[in-house]
Amino acid sequence: MIVVTVSRSGGIAGITRRWTVSLGEADWEDLLSRAGTDPAGRDRFVYRVTDGRRSAVIPDSRLDARLRRLLSGLGEAGDED
């Protein structure tokens, strides 16, 4: 398991939330592969995820349904800072 810090920002209110969770290696690698930009992403969520060595900035539009559920569940299951 890998402990990661997730920071979600954006949306209409622009509020940033942070939490930490444990992920399996496959999920972490999948999240890293989704990093990129979304030029049409105004008012959408952006996730910044780091394990202290590697980081990814992932716009909501680059997440599939499984990863979106995983990240939205992280805030509920993890420890919010």
N, C-alpha and C. Protein backbone atom coordinates (compact mmCIF):
# COMPACT_ATOMS: atom_id res chain seq x y z
N MET A 1 0.84 -1.18 0.00
CA MET A 1 0.00 0.00 0.00
C MET A 1 0.88 1.25 0.00
N ILE A 2 0.39 2.26 -0.65
CA ILE A 2 1.10 3.53 -0.78
C ILE A 2 0.23 4.61 -0.14
N VAL A 3 0.79 5.39 0.76
CA VAL A 3 0.07 6.49 1.38
C VAL A 3 0.22 7.70 0.48
N VAL A 4 -0.91 8.28 0.07
CA VAL A 4 -0.90 9.45 -0.79
C VAL A 4 -1.70 10.58 -0.16
N THR A 5 -1.35 11.79 -0.54
CA THR A 5 -2.10 12.98 -0.16
C THR A 5 -2.87 13.44 -1.39
N VAL A 6 -4.16 13.64 -1.22
CA VAL A 6 -5.03 14.10 -2.30
C VAL A 6 -5.48 15.51 -1.96
N SER A 7 -5.38 16.40 -2.93
CA SER A 7 -5.88 17.76 -2.80
C SER A 7 -6.83 18.00 -3.95
N ARG A 8 -8.08 18.33 -3.65
CA ARG A 8 -9.06 18.60 -4.70
C ARG A 8 -9.41 20.08 -4.66
N SER A 9 -9.25 20.74 -5.79
CA SER A 9 -9.59 22.16 -5.88
C SER A 9 -10.48 22.39 -7.08
N GLY A 10 -10.98 23.61 -7.19
CA GLY A 10 -11.82 23.96 -8.33
C GLY A 10 -13.29 23.88 -7.98
N GLY A 11 -14.08 23.64 -9.00
CA GLY A 11 -15.52 23.67 -8.83
C GLY A 11 -16.00 25.11 -8.79
N ILE A 12 -17.26 25.31 -8.69
CA ILE A 12 -17.83 26.66 -8.71
C ILE A 12 -17.36 27.46 -7.50
N ALA A 13 -17.29 26.84 -6.32
CA ALA A 13 -16.90 27.56 -5.11
C ALA A 13 -15.39 27.72 -4.99
N GLY A 14 -14.61 26.90 -5.68
CA GLY A 14 -13.15 27.01 -5.63
C GLY A 14 -12.54 26.60 -4.30
N ILE A 15 -13.23 25.79 -3.55
CA ILE A 15 -12.74 25.34 -2.24
C ILE A 15 -11.76 24.19 -2.42
N THR A 16 -10.66 24.21 -1.66
CA THR A 16 -9.68 23.13 -1.71
C THR A 16 -9.85 22.25 -0.48
N ARG A 17 -9.89 20.94 -0.72
CA ARG A 17 -9.95 19.95 0.37
C ARG A 17 -8.74 19.05 0.24
N ARG A 18 -8.21 18.59 1.38
CA ARG A 18 -7.06 17.68 1.40
C ARG A 18 -7.34 16.51 2.32
N TRP A 19 -6.82 15.35 1.92
CA TRP A 19 -6.92 14.17 2.77
C TRP A 19 -5.82 13.19 2.37
N THR A 20 -5.54 12.24 3.24
CA THR A 20 -4.55 11.21 2.95
C THR A 20 -5.22 9.84 3.01
N VAL A 21 -4.74 8.94 2.17
CA VAL A 21 -5.30 7.58 2.11
C VAL A 21 -4.21 6.61 1.68
N SER A 22 -4.52 5.34 1.77
CA SER A 22 -3.65 4.28 1.26
C SER A 22 -4.24 3.74 -0.02
N LEU A 23 -3.40 3.57 -1.02
CA LEU A 23 -3.83 3.03 -2.31
C LEU A 23 -2.98 1.81 -2.65
N GLY A 24 -3.54 0.95 -3.45
CA GLY A 24 -2.75 -0.13 -4.02
C GLY A 24 -1.86 0.42 -5.13
N GLU A 25 -0.77 -0.27 -5.41
CA GLU A 25 0.18 0.18 -6.43
C GLU A 25 -0.49 0.35 -7.79
N ALA A 26 -1.38 -0.56 -8.18
CA ALA A 26 -2.03 -0.48 -9.49
C ALA A 26 -2.90 0.77 -9.60
N ASP A 27 -3.65 1.09 -8.55
CA ASP A 27 -4.48 2.30 -8.57
C ASP A 27 -3.62 3.56 -8.64
N TRP A 28 -2.51 3.58 -7.90
CA TRP A 28 -1.62 4.73 -7.91
C TRP A 28 -1.01 4.92 -9.29
N GLU A 29 -0.55 3.85 -9.92
CA GLU A 29 0.02 3.95 -11.26
C GLU A 29 -1.03 4.41 -12.27
N ASP A 30 -2.25 3.94 -12.12
CA ASP A 30 -3.33 4.36 -13.02
C ASP A 30 -3.60 5.86 -12.86
N LEU A 31 -3.62 6.35 -11.62
CA LEU A 31 -3.81 7.78 -11.39
C LEU A 31 -2.67 8.59 -12.01
N LEU A 32 -1.43 8.15 -11.83
CA LEU A 32 -0.29 8.86 -12.40
C LEU A 32 -0.40 8.95 -13.92
N SER A 33 -0.92 7.91 -14.55
CA SER A 33 -1.03 7.91 -16.01
C SER A 33 -2.09 8.87 -16.53
N ARG A 34 -2.96 9.36 -15.66
CA ARG A 34 -4.04 10.28 -16.06
C ARG A 34 -3.63 11.75 -15.97
N ALA A 35 -2.43 12.02 -15.52
CA ALA A 35 -1.98 13.41 -15.37
C ALA A 35 -2.03 14.12 -16.70
N GLY A 36 -2.32 15.40 -16.66
CA GLY A 36 -2.37 16.19 -17.88
C GLY A 36 -3.14 17.47 -17.64
N THR A 37 -3.52 18.09 -18.72
CA THR A 37 -4.25 19.35 -18.63
C THR A 37 -5.59 19.23 -19.32
N ASP A 38 -6.47 20.13 -18.99
CA ASP A 38 -7.80 20.20 -19.59
C ASP A 38 -8.11 21.67 -19.85
N PRO A 39 -7.79 22.17 -21.05
CA PRO A 39 -7.97 23.59 -21.32
C PRO A 39 -9.42 24.06 -21.21
N ALA A 40 -10.38 23.15 -21.35
CA ALA A 40 -11.79 23.54 -21.25
C ALA A 40 -12.35 23.22 -19.87
N GLY A 41 -11.50 23.14 -18.86
CA GLY A 41 -11.91 22.66 -17.55
C GLY A 41 -12.34 23.72 -16.55
N ARG A 42 -12.82 24.84 -16.99
CA ARG A 42 -13.25 25.88 -16.06
C ARG A 42 -14.36 25.34 -15.15
N ASP A 43 -14.27 25.67 -13.87
CA ASP A 43 -15.25 25.28 -12.85
C ASP A 43 -15.33 23.77 -12.63
N ARG A 44 -14.31 23.03 -13.03
CA ARG A 44 -14.27 21.59 -12.77
C ARG A 44 -13.25 21.31 -11.68
N PHE A 45 -13.37 20.15 -11.08
CA PHE A 45 -12.41 19.76 -10.06
C PHE A 45 -11.09 19.37 -10.69
N VAL A 46 -10.02 19.67 -9.96
CA VAL A 46 -8.67 19.24 -10.32
C VAL A 46 -8.10 18.55 -9.09
N TYR A 47 -7.53 17.37 -9.29
CA TYR A 47 -6.95 16.60 -8.20
C TYR A 47 -5.43 16.67 -8.28
N ARG A 48 -4.80 16.98 -7.17
CA ARG A 48 -3.34 16.91 -7.05
C ARG A 48 -3.06 15.78 -6.08
N VAL A 49 -2.31 14.79 -6.55
CA VAL A 49 -2.07 13.58 -5.76
C VAL A 49 -0.57 13.36 -5.68
N THR A 50 -0.07 13.10 -4.47
CA THR A 50 1.36 12.88 -4.30
C THR A 50 1.63 11.82 -3.24
N ASP A 51 2.71 11.09 -3.44
CA ASP A 51 3.17 10.13 -2.43
C ASP A 51 4.45 10.62 -1.78
N GLY A 52 4.83 11.88 -2.05
CA GLY A 52 6.06 12.44 -1.51
C GLY A 52 7.23 12.33 -2.46
N ARG A 53 7.15 11.41 -3.40
CA ARG A 53 8.20 11.25 -4.42
C ARG A 53 7.66 11.59 -5.80
N ARG A 54 6.46 11.12 -6.09
CA ARG A 54 5.84 11.35 -7.39
C ARG A 54 4.54 12.10 -7.18
N SER A 55 4.22 12.97 -8.13
CA SER A 55 3.00 13.76 -8.05
C SER A 55 2.29 13.75 -9.39
N ALA A 56 0.98 13.97 -9.34
CA ALA A 56 0.19 14.09 -10.56
C ALA A 56 -0.88 15.14 -10.35
N VAL A 57 -1.12 15.94 -11.38
CA VAL A 57 -2.25 16.87 -11.42
C VAL A 57 -3.20 16.31 -12.46
N ILE A 58 -4.41 15.98 -12.00
CA ILE A 58 -5.36 15.26 -12.85
C ILE A 58 -6.68 16.03 -12.91
N PRO A 59 -7.03 16.54 -14.08
CA PRO A 59 -8.34 17.18 -14.20
C PRO A 59 -9.44 16.13 -14.15
N ASP A 60 -10.58 16.50 -13.62
CA ASP A 60 -11.71 15.60 -13.49
C ASP A 60 -12.08 14.93 -14.82
N SER A 61 -11.93 15.65 -15.91
CA SER A 61 -12.31 15.11 -17.22
C SER A 61 -11.43 13.95 -17.68
N ARG A 62 -10.25 13.77 -17.07
CA ARG A 62 -9.34 12.67 -17.46
C ARG A 62 -9.54 11.42 -16.62
N LEU A 63 -10.51 11.45 -15.71
CA LEU A 63 -10.79 10.29 -14.87
C LEU A 63 -11.93 9.47 -15.45
N ASP A 64 -11.78 8.15 -15.44
CA ASP A 64 -12.91 7.31 -15.81
C ASP A 64 -13.80 7.14 -14.58
N ALA A 65 -14.92 6.47 -14.76
CA ALA A 65 -15.90 6.33 -13.67
C ALA A 65 -15.29 5.64 -12.44
N ARG A 66 -14.47 4.63 -12.66
CA ARG A 66 -13.87 3.89 -11.53
C ARG A 66 -12.95 4.79 -10.72
N LEU A 67 -12.08 5.54 -11.40
CA LEU A 67 -11.16 6.42 -10.68
C LEU A 67 -11.89 7.58 -10.03
N ARG A 68 -12.94 8.08 -10.68
CA ARG A 68 -13.72 9.17 -10.08
C ARG A 68 -14.36 8.69 -8.78
N ARG A 69 -14.91 7.46 -8.80
CA ARG A 69 -15.50 6.90 -7.57
C ARG A 69 -14.42 6.70 -6.50
N LEU A 70 -13.26 6.22 -6.91
CA LEU A 70 -12.15 6.01 -5.98
C LEU A 70 -11.76 7.34 -5.31
N LEU A 71 -11.59 8.38 -6.11
CA LEU A 71 -11.17 9.67 -5.54
C LEU A 71 -12.28 10.29 -4.70
N SER A 72 -13.55 10.16 -5.10
CA SER A 72 -14.58 10.74 -4.26
C SER A 72 -14.75 9.96 -2.98
N GLY A 73 -14.48 8.66 -3.01
CA GLY A 73 -14.52 7.87 -1.80
C GLY A 73 -13.34 8.11 -0.89
N LEU A 74 -12.23 8.59 -1.45
CA LEU A 74 -11.04 8.83 -0.64
C LEU A 74 -11.29 9.88 0.42
N GLY A 75 -12.00 10.93 0.06
CA GLY A 75 -12.27 12.00 1.02
C GLY A 75 -13.10 11.52 2.19
N GLU A 76 -13.98 10.55 1.94
CA GLU A 76 -14.80 10.02 3.01
C GLU A 76 -14.04 9.01 3.84
N ALA A 77 -13.16 8.23 3.21
CA ALA A 77 -12.46 7.16 3.91
C ALA A 77 -11.15 7.63 4.53
N GLY A 78 -10.57 8.69 3.99
CA GLY A 78 -9.27 9.15 4.45
C GLY A 78 -9.34 10.12 5.60
N ASP A 79 -8.19 10.57 6.02
CA ASP A 79 -8.09 11.55 7.10
C ASP A 79 -7.98 12.93 6.47
N GLU A 80 -9.00 13.74 6.66
CA GLU A 80 -8.97 15.09 6.10
C GLU A 80 -8.06 15.97 6.93
N ASP A 81 -7.22 16.76 6.24
CA ASP A 81 -6.33 17.70 6.92
C ASP A 81 -7.03 19.00 7.21
